[in-house]
Amino acid sequence: MERYKEGQKVLMLSILLNIGLTILKILVGIIGNSQAILADGIHTMTDAASSIGLILGLHMAAKPEDKDHPYGHEKAESISTFLLSIILIAVGLNLAYGAIMTLIKGTDAIPSIWAIYAAGISIVVKEIQFQISYKKGKQINSDALIADAWHHRSDALSSIGALFGVIGARMGYPIADPIAGGLVSVIVIKVGLEIFFKTYNELMDMSIEEEKLVNISNKIIEYSKVSQLREIKARKHGSVVYVDVIITVKPEITVCEGHKIAEDVENIIYGQIDNIKDIMVHVEPNNLSQTNKI
């Protein structure tokens, strides 16, 4: 529960900062004749909207198991992140369309000096937001918060692109501004696709990293009371992990001894991964013709 509260505090800070930046950039984009800054402002607006969605997702994920959801609600965090990725992709495509149409029709609009100031402020604020969100996301193991951090980084990069576009337009190359707007859209789409495929795999119960599975397997195999490790599977469930293991033991031992060995195996696994929610260890009698552990 505490990790969700920590995540929500960071998201609330992001929402407040993003609302301020959105108002600043959209006003400057409209009044200051800068399509790049306007596109950047719309991008920031999606940051605020997505952060609100992530707060709701974290709130749902923090709920305990119930009759209808015996495995908990952690996937709500993945769902909210998945929706964030779709929003990013849609916004990116819309920005790309606007930039292309401007290039086709042509433009002679020269952005005002305020567009440069707005871009500079955005770069600094968004990078600070990235650092805060990313560090906290790593600390509490929240993919949603890490995804939101990369959303901030993409906004910072888009502000850099917008800045160069504005400078180019003010130096006598009006076409630089819509070109910068197009580059912003590419960054937004790229980040959206990366988050989309990552959370898609989580929702499809993707396995944890192979290196972690190998380490766990080696530790179990080293345990002398386990005859064989027949199978090990692990799946991501939002920010937590479920692990299923099948081991074999000597057939002549008692049920109590077998249960104790299963508990020892559970403790071995818990020692290898921090964010495990549940482990299922299935114990079978060893086949005497297969005495070597795998």
C-alpha atoms as a PDB file:
ATOM      1  CA  MET A   1       0.000   0.000   0.000  1.00  0.00           C
ATOM      2  CA  GLU A   2       2.837   2.411   0.846  1.00  0.00           C
ATOM      3  CA  ARG A   3       4.419   2.055  -2.613  1.00  0.00           C
ATOM      4  CA  TYR A   4       1.161   3.139  -4.238  1.00  0.00           C
ATOM      5  CA  LYS A   5       0.951   6.215  -2.014  1.00  0.00           C
ATOM      6  CA  GLU A   6       4.508   7.157  -2.935  1.00  0.00           C
ATOM      7  CA  GLY A   7       3.694   6.756  -6.623  1.00  0.00           C
ATOM      8  CA  GLN A   8       0.553   8.866  -6.321  1.00  0.00           C
ATOM      9  CA  LYS A   9       2.488  11.730  -4.681  1.00  0.00           C
ATOM     10  CA  VAL A  10       4.870  11.882  -7.643  1.00  0.00           C
ATOM     11  CA  LEU A  11       1.988  11.732 -10.110  1.00  0.00           C
ATOM     12  CA  MET A  12       0.144  14.563  -8.352  1.00  0.00           C
ATOM     13  CA  LEU A  13       3.255  16.750  -8.644  1.00  0.00           C
ATOM     14  CA  SER A  14       3.473  15.857 -12.339  1.00  0.00           C
ATOM     15  CA  ILE A  15      -0.164  16.789 -12.915  1.00  0.00           C
ATOM     16  CA  LEU A  16       0.251  20.244 -11.364  1.00  0.00           C
ATOM     17  CA  LEU A  17       3.427  20.998 -13.318  1.00  0.00           C
ATOM     18  CA  ASN A  18       1.960  19.665 -16.570  1.00  0.00           C
ATOM     19  CA  ILE A  19      -1.178  21.779 -16.255  1.00  0.00           C
ATOM     20  CA  GLY A  20       0.980  24.885 -15.859  1.00  0.00           C
ATOM     21  CA  LEU A  21       3.179  23.964 -18.824  1.00  0.00           C
ATOM     22  CA  THR A  22       0.171  23.092 -20.980  1.00  0.00           C
ATOM     23  CA  ILE A  23      -1.426  26.490 -20.446  1.00  0.00           C
ATOM     24  CA  LEU A  24       1.889  28.267 -21.089  1.00  0.00           C
ATOM     25  CA  LYS A  25       2.796  26.413 -24.291  1.00  0.00           C
ATOM     26  CA  ILE A  26      -0.653  26.378 -25.885  1.00  0.00           C
ATOM     27  CA  LEU A  27      -1.090  30.124 -25.283  1.00  0.00           C
ATOM     28  CA  VAL A  28       2.396  30.888 -26.589  1.00  0.00           C
ATOM     29  CA  GLY A  29       1.874  28.521 -29.531  1.00  0.00           C
ATOM     30  CA  ILE A  30      -1.343  30.267 -30.563  1.00  0.00           C
ATOM     31  CA  ILE A  31      -0.366  33.875 -29.804  1.00  0.00           C
ATOM     32  CA  GLY A  32       3.264  33.420 -30.821  1.00  0.00           C
ATOM     33  CA  ASN A  33       2.534  31.700 -34.193  1.00  0.00           C
ATOM     34  CA  SER A  34       4.468  28.504 -33.411  1.00  0.00           C
ATOM     35  CA  GLN A  35       3.072  25.183 -34.538  1.00  0.00           C
ATOM     36  CA  ALA A  36       5.980  23.383 -32.898  1.00  0.00           C
ATOM     37  CA  ILE A  37       5.259  24.925 -29.475  1.00  0.00           C
ATOM     38  CA  LEU A  38       1.515  24.326 -29.911  1.00  0.00           C
ATOM     39  CA  ALA A  39       2.173  20.655 -30.718  1.00  0.00           C
ATOM     40  CA  ASP A  40       4.493  20.463 -27.737  1.00  0.00           C
ATOM     41  CA  GLY A  41       1.748  21.952 -25.549  1.00  0.00           C
ATOM     42  CA  ILE A  42      -0.756  19.338 -26.693  1.00  0.00           C
ATOM     43  CA  HIS A  43       1.847  16.685 -25.917  1.00  0.00           C
ATOM     44  CA  THR A  44       2.176  18.081 -22.383  1.00  0.00           C
ATOM     45  CA  MET A  45      -1.608  18.092 -22.023  1.00  0.00           C
ATOM     46  CA  THR A  46      -1.598  14.325 -22.657  1.00  0.00           C
ATOM     47  CA  ASP A  47       1.021  14.064 -19.902  1.00  0.00           C
ATOM     48  CA  ALA A  48      -1.432  15.573 -17.428  1.00  0.00           C
ATOM     49  CA  ALA A  49      -4.316  13.401 -18.641  1.00  0.00           C
ATOM     50  CA  SER A  50      -2.215  10.238 -18.552  1.00  0.00           C
ATOM     51  CA  SER A  51      -0.936  10.997 -15.039  1.00  0.00           C
ATOM     52  CA  ILE A  52      -4.533  11.269 -13.848  1.00  0.00           C
ATOM     53  CA  GLY A  53      -5.236   7.896 -15.460  1.00  0.00           C
ATOM     54  CA  LEU A  54      -2.176   6.364 -13.798  1.00  0.00           C
ATOM     55  CA  ILE A  55      -3.283   7.639 -10.387  1.00  0.00           C
ATOM     56  CA  LEU A  56      -6.593   5.849 -10.883  1.00  0.00           C
ATOM     57  CA  GLY A  57      -4.712   2.747 -11.993  1.00  0.00           C
ATOM     58  CA  LEU A  58      -2.453   2.776  -8.931  1.00  0.00           C
ATOM     59  CA  HIS A  59      -5.494   3.298  -6.707  1.00  0.00           C
ATOM     60  CA  MET A  60      -7.163   0.218  -8.197  1.00  0.00           C
ATOM     61  CA  ALA A  61      -3.948  -1.816  -8.057  1.00  0.00           C
ATOM     62  CA  ALA A  62      -3.610  -1.134  -4.330  1.00  0.00           C
ATOM     63  CA  LYS A  63      -6.893  -2.877  -3.541  1.00  0.00           C
ATOM     64  CA  PRO A  64      -6.535  -6.263  -1.808  1.00  0.00           C
ATOM     65  CA  GLU A  65      -7.801  -9.557  -3.165  1.00  0.00           C
ATOM     66  CA  ASP A  66     -11.535 -10.145  -3.074  1.00  0.00           C
ATOM     67  CA  LYS A  67     -14.014 -12.848  -4.074  1.00  0.00           C
ATOM     68  CA  ASP A  68     -14.146 -11.746  -7.709  1.00  0.00           C
ATOM     69  CA  HIS A  69     -10.415 -10.995  -7.968  1.00  0.00           C
ATOM     70  CA  PRO A  70      -8.604 -13.668  -5.926  1.00  0.00           C
ATOM     71  CA  TYR A  71      -5.252 -12.813  -7.519  1.00  0.00           C
ATOM     72  CA  GLY A  72      -5.517  -9.129  -6.618  1.00  0.00           C
ATOM     73  CA  HIS A  73      -5.815  -5.976  -8.733  1.00  0.00           C
ATOM     74  CA  GLU A  74      -2.174  -5.337  -9.677  1.00  0.00           C
ATOM     75  CA  LYS A  75      -2.929  -5.564 -13.393  1.00  0.00           C
ATOM     76  CA  ALA A  76      -4.881  -2.313 -13.123  1.00  0.00           C
ATOM     77  CA  GLU A  77      -1.469  -0.636 -13.148  1.00  0.00           C
ATOM     78  CA  SER A  78      -0.556  -2.370 -16.415  1.00  0.00           C
ATOM     79  CA  ILE A  79      -3.940  -1.524 -17.937  1.00  0.00           C
ATOM     80  CA  SER A  80      -3.563   2.169 -17.126  1.00  0.00           C
ATOM     81  CA  THR A  81      -0.057   2.137 -18.622  1.00  0.00           C
ATOM     82  CA  PHE A  82      -1.377   0.353 -21.718  1.00  0.00           C
ATOM     83  CA  LEU A  83      -4.032   3.053 -22.176  1.00  0.00           C
ATOM     84  CA  LEU A  84      -1.343   5.698 -21.762  1.00  0.00           C
ATOM     85  CA  SER A  85       0.585   4.184 -24.664  1.00  0.00           C
ATOM     86  CA  ILE A  86      -2.490   4.314 -26.913  1.00  0.00           C
ATOM     87  CA  ILE A  87      -3.018   7.973 -26.021  1.00  0.00           C
ATOM     88  CA  LEU A  88       0.610   8.730 -26.878  1.00  0.00           C
ATOM     89  CA  ILE A  89       0.378   7.005 -30.257  1.00  0.00           C
ATOM     90  CA  ALA A  90      -2.899   8.756 -31.136  1.00  0.00           C
ATOM     91  CA  VAL A  91      -1.515  12.167 -30.146  1.00  0.00           C
ATOM     92  CA  GLY A  92       1.671  11.538 -32.116  1.00  0.00           C
ATOM     93  CA  LEU A  93      -0.255  10.614 -35.261  1.00  0.00           C
ATOM     94  CA  ASN A  94      -2.443  13.709 -34.931  1.00  0.00           C
ATOM     95  CA  LEU A  95       0.603  15.959 -34.535  1.00  0.00           C
ATOM     96  CA  ALA A  96       2.248  14.329 -37.557  1.00  0.00           C
ATOM     97  CA  TYR A  97      -0.850  14.944 -39.667  1.00  0.00           C
ATOM     98  CA  GLY A  98      -0.919  18.626 -38.690  1.00  0.00           C
ATOM     99  CA  ALA A  99       2.760  19.081 -39.491  1.00  0.00           C
ATOM    100  CA  ILE A 100       2.431  17.374 -42.883  1.00  0.00           C
ATOM    101  CA  MET A 101      -0.570  19.495 -43.851  1.00  0.00           C
ATOM    102  CA  THR A 102       1.305  22.679 -42.920  1.00  0.00           C
ATOM    103  CA  LEU A 103       4.281  21.614 -45.018  1.00  0.00           C
ATOM    104  CA  ILE A 104       1.989  20.898 -47.980  1.00  0.00           C
ATOM    105  CA  LYS A 105       0.153  24.228 -47.723  1.00  0.00           C
ATOM    106  CA  GLY A 106       3.257  26.206 -46.821  1.00  0.00           C
ATOM    107  CA  THR A 107       3.673  28.841 -44.122  1.00  0.00           C
ATOM    108  CA  ASP A 108       5.306  32.221 -43.636  1.00  0.00           C
ATOM    109  CA  ALA A 109       4.467  32.607 -39.935  1.00  0.00           C
ATOM    110  CA  ILE A 110       7.392  33.709 -37.753  1.00  0.00           C
ATOM    111  CA  PRO A 111       7.214  32.579 -34.095  1.00  0.00           C
ATOM    112  CA  SER A 112       7.640  35.223 -31.406  1.00  0.00           C
ATOM    113  CA  ILE A 113      10.550  35.331 -28.960  1.00  0.00           C
ATOM    114  CA  TRP A 114       8.185  34.006 -26.271  1.00  0.00           C
ATOM    115  CA  ALA A 115       8.170  30.647 -28.060  1.00  0.00           C
ATOM    116  CA  ILE A 116      11.881  30.296 -27.273  1.00  0.00           C
ATOM    117  CA  TYR A 117      11.296  31.080 -23.602  1.00  0.00           C
ATOM    118  CA  ALA A 118       8.406  28.604 -23.396  1.00  0.00           C
ATOM    119  CA  ALA A 119      10.498  25.830 -24.950  1.00  0.00           C
ATOM    120  CA  GLY A 120      13.408  26.520 -22.599  1.00  0.00           C
ATOM    121  CA  ILE A 121      11.214  26.427 -19.490  1.00  0.00           C
ATOM    122  CA  SER A 122       9.600  23.202 -20.693  1.00  0.00           C
ATOM    123  CA  ILE A 123      12.949  21.471 -21.268  1.00  0.00           C
ATOM    124  CA  VAL A 124      14.131  22.194 -17.729  1.00  0.00           C
ATOM    125  CA  VAL A 125      10.854  21.306 -15.990  1.00  0.00           C
ATOM    126  CA  LYS A 126      10.262  18.098 -17.985  1.00  0.00           C
ATOM    127  CA  GLU A 127      13.785  16.822 -17.351  1.00  0.00           C
ATOM    128  CA  ILE A 128      13.322  17.421 -13.609  1.00  0.00           C
ATOM    129  CA  GLN A 129      10.020  15.513 -13.792  1.00  0.00           C
ATOM    130  CA  PHE A 130      11.737  12.650 -15.605  1.00  0.00           C
ATOM    131  CA  GLN A 131      14.444  12.326 -12.970  1.00  0.00           C
ATOM    132  CA  ILE A 132      11.944  12.380 -10.084  1.00  0.00           C
ATOM    133  CA  SER A 133       9.491   9.921 -11.671  1.00  0.00           C
ATOM    134  CA  TYR A 134      12.147   7.512 -12.948  1.00  0.00           C
ATOM    135  CA  LYS A 135      14.014   7.276  -9.643  1.00  0.00           C
ATOM    136  CA  LYS A 136      10.808   6.790  -7.666  1.00  0.00           C
ATOM    137  CA  GLY A 137       9.524   4.242 -10.215  1.00  0.00           C
ATOM    138  CA  LYS A 138      12.708   2.201  -9.845  1.00  0.00           C
ATOM    139  CA  GLN A 139      12.575   2.536  -6.066  1.00  0.00           C
ATOM    140  CA  ILE A 140       9.005   1.211  -5.733  1.00  0.00           C
ATOM    141  CA  ASN A 141       9.188  -1.094  -8.799  1.00  0.00           C
ATOM    142  CA  SER A 142       6.362   0.661 -10.660  1.00  0.00           C
ATOM    143  CA  ASP A 143       6.262   0.190 -14.433  1.00  0.00           C
ATOM    144  CA  ALA A 144       3.465   2.766 -14.595  1.00  0.00           C
ATOM    145  CA  LEU A 145       5.625   5.434 -12.962  1.00  0.00           C
ATOM    146  CA  ILE A 146       8.623   4.537 -15.125  1.00  0.00           C
ATOM    147  CA  ALA A 147       6.429   4.785 -18.234  1.00  0.00           C
ATOM    148  CA  ASP A 148       5.225   8.180 -17.068  1.00  0.00           C
ATOM    149  CA  ALA A 149       8.858   9.210 -16.564  1.00  0.00           C
ATOM    150  CA  TRP A 150       9.692   8.341 -20.173  1.00  0.00           C
ATOM    151  CA  HIS A 151       6.620  10.325 -21.185  1.00  0.00           C
ATOM    152  CA  HIS A 152       8.258  13.324 -19.476  1.00  0.00           C
ATOM    153  CA  ARG A 153      11.568  12.622 -21.231  1.00  0.00           C
ATOM    154  CA  SER A 154       9.806  12.439 -24.608  1.00  0.00           C
ATOM    155  CA  ASP A 155       8.217  15.800 -23.838  1.00  0.00           C
ATOM    156  CA  ALA A 156      11.613  17.261 -22.978  1.00  0.00           C
ATOM    157  CA  LEU A 157      13.024  15.957 -26.261  1.00  0.00           C
ATOM    158  CA  SER A 158      10.046  17.309 -28.172  1.00  0.00           C
ATOM    159  CA  SER A 159      10.605  20.712 -26.517  1.00  0.00           C
ATOM    160  CA  ILE A 160      14.212  20.623 -27.723  1.00  0.00           C
ATOM    161  CA  GLY A 161      12.981  19.911 -31.236  1.00  0.00           C
ATOM    162  CA  ALA A 162      10.422  22.691 -30.947  1.00  0.00           C
ATOM    163  CA  LEU A 163      13.140  25.086 -29.725  1.00  0.00           C
ATOM    164  CA  PHE A 164      15.312  24.435 -32.778  1.00  0.00           C
ATOM    165  CA  GLY A 165      12.267  24.814 -35.020  1.00  0.00           C
ATOM    166  CA  VAL A 166      11.403  28.180 -33.509  1.00  0.00           C
ATOM    167  CA  ILE A 167      14.994  29.410 -33.756  1.00  0.00           C
ATOM    168  CA  GLY A 168      15.184  28.268 -37.382  1.00  0.00           C
ATOM    169  CA  ALA A 169      11.918  30.006 -38.245  1.00  0.00           C
ATOM    170  CA  ARG A 170      13.074  33.236 -36.606  1.00  0.00           C
ATOM    171  CA  MET A 171      16.317  33.067 -38.605  1.00  0.00           C
ATOM    172  CA  GLY A 172      14.351  33.208 -41.841  1.00  0.00           C
ATOM    173  CA  TYR A 173      13.325  29.587 -42.399  1.00  0.00           C
ATOM    174  CA  PRO A 174       9.581  29.420 -41.544  1.00  0.00           C
ATOM    175  CA  ILE A 175       9.408  25.805 -42.691  1.00  0.00           C
ATOM    176  CA  ALA A 176      11.658  24.816 -39.764  1.00  0.00           C
ATOM    177  CA  ASP A 177       8.794  25.212 -37.295  1.00  0.00           C
ATOM    178  CA  PRO A 178       6.393  22.632 -38.836  1.00  0.00           C
ATOM    179  CA  ILE A 179       9.345  20.333 -39.497  1.00  0.00           C
ATOM    180  CA  ALA A 180      10.157  20.493 -35.786  1.00  0.00           C
ATOM    181  CA  GLY A 181       6.500  19.757 -35.050  1.00  0.00           C
ATOM    182  CA  GLY A 182       6.771  16.655 -37.230  1.00  0.00           C
ATOM    183  CA  LEU A 183       9.897  15.513 -35.405  1.00  0.00           C
ATOM    184  CA  VAL A 184       8.062  15.947 -32.113  1.00  0.00           C
ATOM    185  CA  SER A 185       5.318  13.629 -33.386  1.00  0.00           C
ATOM    186  CA  VAL A 186       7.874  10.939 -34.300  1.00  0.00           C
ATOM    187  CA  ILE A 187       9.300  11.029 -30.759  1.00  0.00           C
ATOM    188  CA  VAL A 188       5.820  10.762 -29.246  1.00  0.00           C
ATOM    189  CA  ILE A 189       4.842   7.819 -31.481  1.00  0.00           C
ATOM    190  CA  LYS A 190       8.128   5.991 -30.771  1.00  0.00           C
ATOM    191  CA  VAL A 191       7.735   6.252 -26.997  1.00  0.00           C
ATOM    192  CA  GLY A 192       4.075   5.221 -27.252  1.00  0.00           C
ATOM    193  CA  LEU A 193       4.917   2.095 -29.257  1.00  0.00           C
ATOM    194  CA  GLU A 194       7.664   1.058 -26.829  1.00  0.00           C
ATOM    195  CA  ILE A 195       5.320   1.352 -23.844  1.00  0.00           C
ATOM    196  CA  PHE A 196       2.515  -0.365 -25.801  1.00  0.00           C
ATOM    197  CA  PHE A 197       4.486  -3.535 -26.524  1.00  0.00           C
ATOM    198  CA  LYS A 198       5.966  -3.707 -23.029  1.00  0.00           C
ATOM    199  CA  THR A 199       2.599  -3.509 -21.268  1.00  0.00           C
ATOM    200  CA  TYR A 200       0.964  -5.759 -23.879  1.00  0.00           C
ATOM    201  CA  ASN A 201       3.414  -8.489 -22.896  1.00  0.00           C
ATOM    202  CA  GLU A 202       2.663  -7.908 -19.203  1.00  0.00           C
ATOM    203  CA  LEU A 203      -1.074  -8.270 -19.790  1.00  0.00           C
ATOM    204  CA  MET A 204      -0.363 -11.495 -21.706  1.00  0.00           C
ATOM    205  CA  ASP A 205       1.448 -12.926 -18.640  1.00  0.00           C
ATOM    206  CA  MET A 206       4.927 -12.586 -20.089  1.00  0.00           C
ATOM    207  CA  SER A 207       7.698 -14.425 -18.266  1.00  0.00           C
ATOM    208  CA  ILE A 208      10.316 -12.624 -16.200  1.00  0.00           C
ATOM    209  CA  GLU A 209      13.840 -12.205 -17.542  1.00  0.00           C
ATOM    210  CA  GLU A 210      15.540 -15.494 -18.479  1.00  0.00           C
ATOM    211  CA  GLU A 211      18.609 -14.588 -16.429  1.00  0.00           C
ATOM    212  CA  LYS A 212      16.507 -14.433 -13.265  1.00  0.00           C
ATOM    213  CA  LEU A 213      14.898 -17.799 -14.025  1.00  0.00           C
ATOM    214  CA  VAL A 214      18.307 -19.379 -14.576  1.00  0.00           C
ATOM    215  CA  ASN A 215      19.605 -17.990 -11.270  1.00  0.00           C
ATOM    216  CA  ILE A 216      16.572 -19.312  -9.389  1.00  0.00           C
ATOM    217  CA  SER A 217      16.870 -22.712 -11.094  1.00  0.00           C
ATOM    218  CA  ASN A 218      20.556 -23.025 -10.169  1.00  0.00           C
ATOM    219  CA  LYS A 219      19.826 -22.187  -6.517  1.00  0.00           C
ATOM    220  CA  ILE A 220      17.070 -24.813  -6.335  1.00  0.00           C
ATOM    221  CA  ILE A 221      19.235 -27.447  -8.034  1.00  0.00           C
ATOM    222  CA  GLU A 222      22.007 -26.789  -5.502  1.00  0.00           C
ATOM    223  CA  TYR A 223      19.637 -27.634  -2.634  1.00  0.00           C
ATOM    224  CA  SER A 224      20.561 -31.192  -1.688  1.00  0.00           C
ATOM    225  CA  LYS A 225      17.061 -32.287  -0.617  1.00  0.00           C
ATOM    226  CA  VAL A 226      15.614 -31.613  -4.086  1.00  0.00           C
ATOM    227  CA  SER A 227      16.149 -34.560  -6.423  1.00  0.00           C
ATOM    228  CA  GLN A 228      14.987 -32.832  -9.587  1.00  0.00           C
ATOM    229  CA  LEU A 229      13.729 -29.479 -10.763  1.00  0.00           C
ATOM    230  CA  ARG A 230      11.251 -30.582 -13.396  1.00  0.00           C
ATOM    231  CA  GLU A 231       9.676 -27.255 -14.261  1.00  0.00           C
ATOM    232  CA  ILE A 232       9.816 -23.582 -13.347  1.00  0.00           C
ATOM    233  CA  LYS A 233       7.577 -20.829 -14.704  1.00  0.00           C
ATOM    234  CA  ALA A 234       7.174 -17.202 -13.717  1.00  0.00           C
ATOM    235  CA  ARG A 235       4.790 -14.526 -14.960  1.00  0.00           C
ATOM    236  CA  LYS A 236       4.461 -10.812 -14.430  1.00  0.00           C
ATOM    237  CA  HIS A 237       1.229  -9.602 -12.846  1.00  0.00           C
ATOM    238  CA  GLY A 238       1.386  -5.827 -12.901  1.00  0.00           C
ATOM    239  CA  SER A 239       4.266  -4.858 -10.621  1.00  0.00           C
ATOM    240  CA  VAL A 240       4.477  -8.297  -8.943  1.00  0.00           C
ATOM    241  CA  VAL A 241       5.526 -11.790 -10.011  1.00  0.00           C
ATOM    242  CA  TYR A 242       3.995 -15.253  -9.622  1.00  0.00           C
ATOM    243  CA  VAL A 243       6.252 -18.326  -9.711  1.00  0.00           C
ATOM    244  CA  ASP A 244       5.266 -21.985 -10.261  1.00  0.00           C
ATOM    245  CA  VAL A 245       7.750 -24.777  -9.594  1.00  0.00           C
ATOM    246  CA  ILE A 246       7.631 -28.577  -9.864  1.00  0.00           C
ATOM    247  CA  ILE A 247      10.278 -30.471  -7.901  1.00  0.00           C
ATOM    248  CA  THR A 248      10.831 -34.123  -7.060  1.00  0.00           C
ATOM    249  CA  VAL A 249      11.989 -35.553  -3.724  1.00  0.00           C
ATOM    250  CA  LYS A 250      12.838 -38.981  -2.367  1.00  0.00           C
ATOM    251  CA  PRO A 251       9.654 -41.082  -2.383  1.00  0.00           C
ATOM    252  CA  GLU A 252      10.221 -42.521   1.088  1.00  0.00           C
ATOM    253  CA  ILE A 253      10.115 -39.228   2.989  1.00  0.00           C
ATOM    254  CA  THR A 254       7.058 -38.152   5.002  1.00  0.00           C
ATOM    255  CA  VAL A 255       4.490 -35.591   3.945  1.00  0.00           C
ATOM    256  CA  CYS A 256       5.828 -33.238   6.628  1.00  0.00           C
ATOM    257  CA  GLU A 257       9.358 -33.556   5.269  1.00  0.00           C
ATOM    258  CA  GLY A 258       8.114 -32.883   1.738  1.00  0.00           C
ATOM    259  CA  HIS A 259       6.241 -29.825   2.973  1.00  0.00           C
ATOM    260  CA  LYS A 260       9.370 -28.534   4.715  1.00  0.00           C
ATOM    261  CA  ILE A 261      11.393 -28.946   1.512  1.00  0.00           C
ATOM    262  CA  ALA A 262       8.738 -27.004  -0.426  1.00  0.00           C
ATOM    263  CA  GLU A 263       8.965 -24.178   2.128  1.00  0.00           C
ATOM    264  CA  ASP A 264      12.752 -24.152   1.770  1.00  0.00           C
ATOM    265  CA  VAL A 265      12.398 -23.879  -2.011  1.00  0.00           C
ATOM    266  CA  GLU A 266       9.975 -20.982  -1.560  1.00  0.00           C
ATOM    267  CA  ASN A 267      12.505 -19.184   0.645  1.00  0.00           C
ATOM    268  CA  ILE A 268      15.213 -19.747  -1.976  1.00  0.00           C
ATOM    269  CA  ILE A 269      13.032 -18.102  -4.620  1.00  0.00           C
ATOM    270  CA  TYR A 270      12.033 -15.212  -2.351  1.00  0.00           C
ATOM    271  CA  GLY A 271      15.734 -14.560  -1.830  1.00  0.00           C
ATOM    272  CA  GLN A 272      16.303 -14.121  -5.573  1.00  0.00           C
ATOM    273  CA  ILE A 273      13.446 -11.745  -6.517  1.00  0.00           C
ATOM    274  CA  ASP A 274      12.100  -8.846  -4.470  1.00  0.00           C
ATOM    275  CA  ASN A 275       8.649  -8.337  -5.993  1.00  0.00           C
ATOM    276  CA  ILE A 276       7.217 -11.874  -5.739  1.00  0.00           C
ATOM    277  CA  LYS A 277       3.600 -12.030  -4.625  1.00  0.00           C
ATOM    278  CA  ASP A 278       3.040 -15.799  -4.561  1.00  0.00           C
ATOM    279  CA  ILE A 279       4.919 -19.051  -5.170  1.00  0.00           C
ATOM    280  CA  MET A 280       3.401 -22.442  -5.904  1.00  0.00           C
ATOM    281  CA  VAL A 281       5.723 -25.386  -5.275  1.00  0.00           C
ATOM    282  CA  HIS A 282       4.388 -28.757  -6.457  1.00  0.00           C
ATOM    283  CA  VAL A 283       6.191 -31.737  -4.886  1.00  0.00           C
ATOM    284  CA  GLU A 284       6.336 -35.122  -6.648  1.00  0.00           C
ATOM    285  CA  PRO A 285       8.042 -38.409  -5.717  1.00  0.00           C
ATOM    286  CA  ASN A 286      11.290 -38.848  -7.565  1.00  0.00           C
ATOM    287  CA  ASN A 287      11.415 -41.319 -10.442  1.00  0.00           C
ATOM    288  CA  LEU A 288      14.196 -43.655  -9.432  1.00  0.00           C
ATOM    289  CA  SER A 289      15.299 -43.981 -13.059  1.00  0.00           C
ATOM    290  CA  GLN A 290      15.907 -40.229 -13.165  1.00  0.00           C
ATOM    291  CA  THR A 291      18.036 -39.407 -10.126  1.00  0.00           C
ATOM    292  CA  ASN A 292      19.946 -36.482 -11.618  1.00  0.00           C
ATOM    293  CA  LYS A 293      18.641 -33.006 -10.962  1.00  0.00           C
ATOM    294  CA  ILE A 294      17.996 -30.746 -13.959  1.00  0.00           C
END
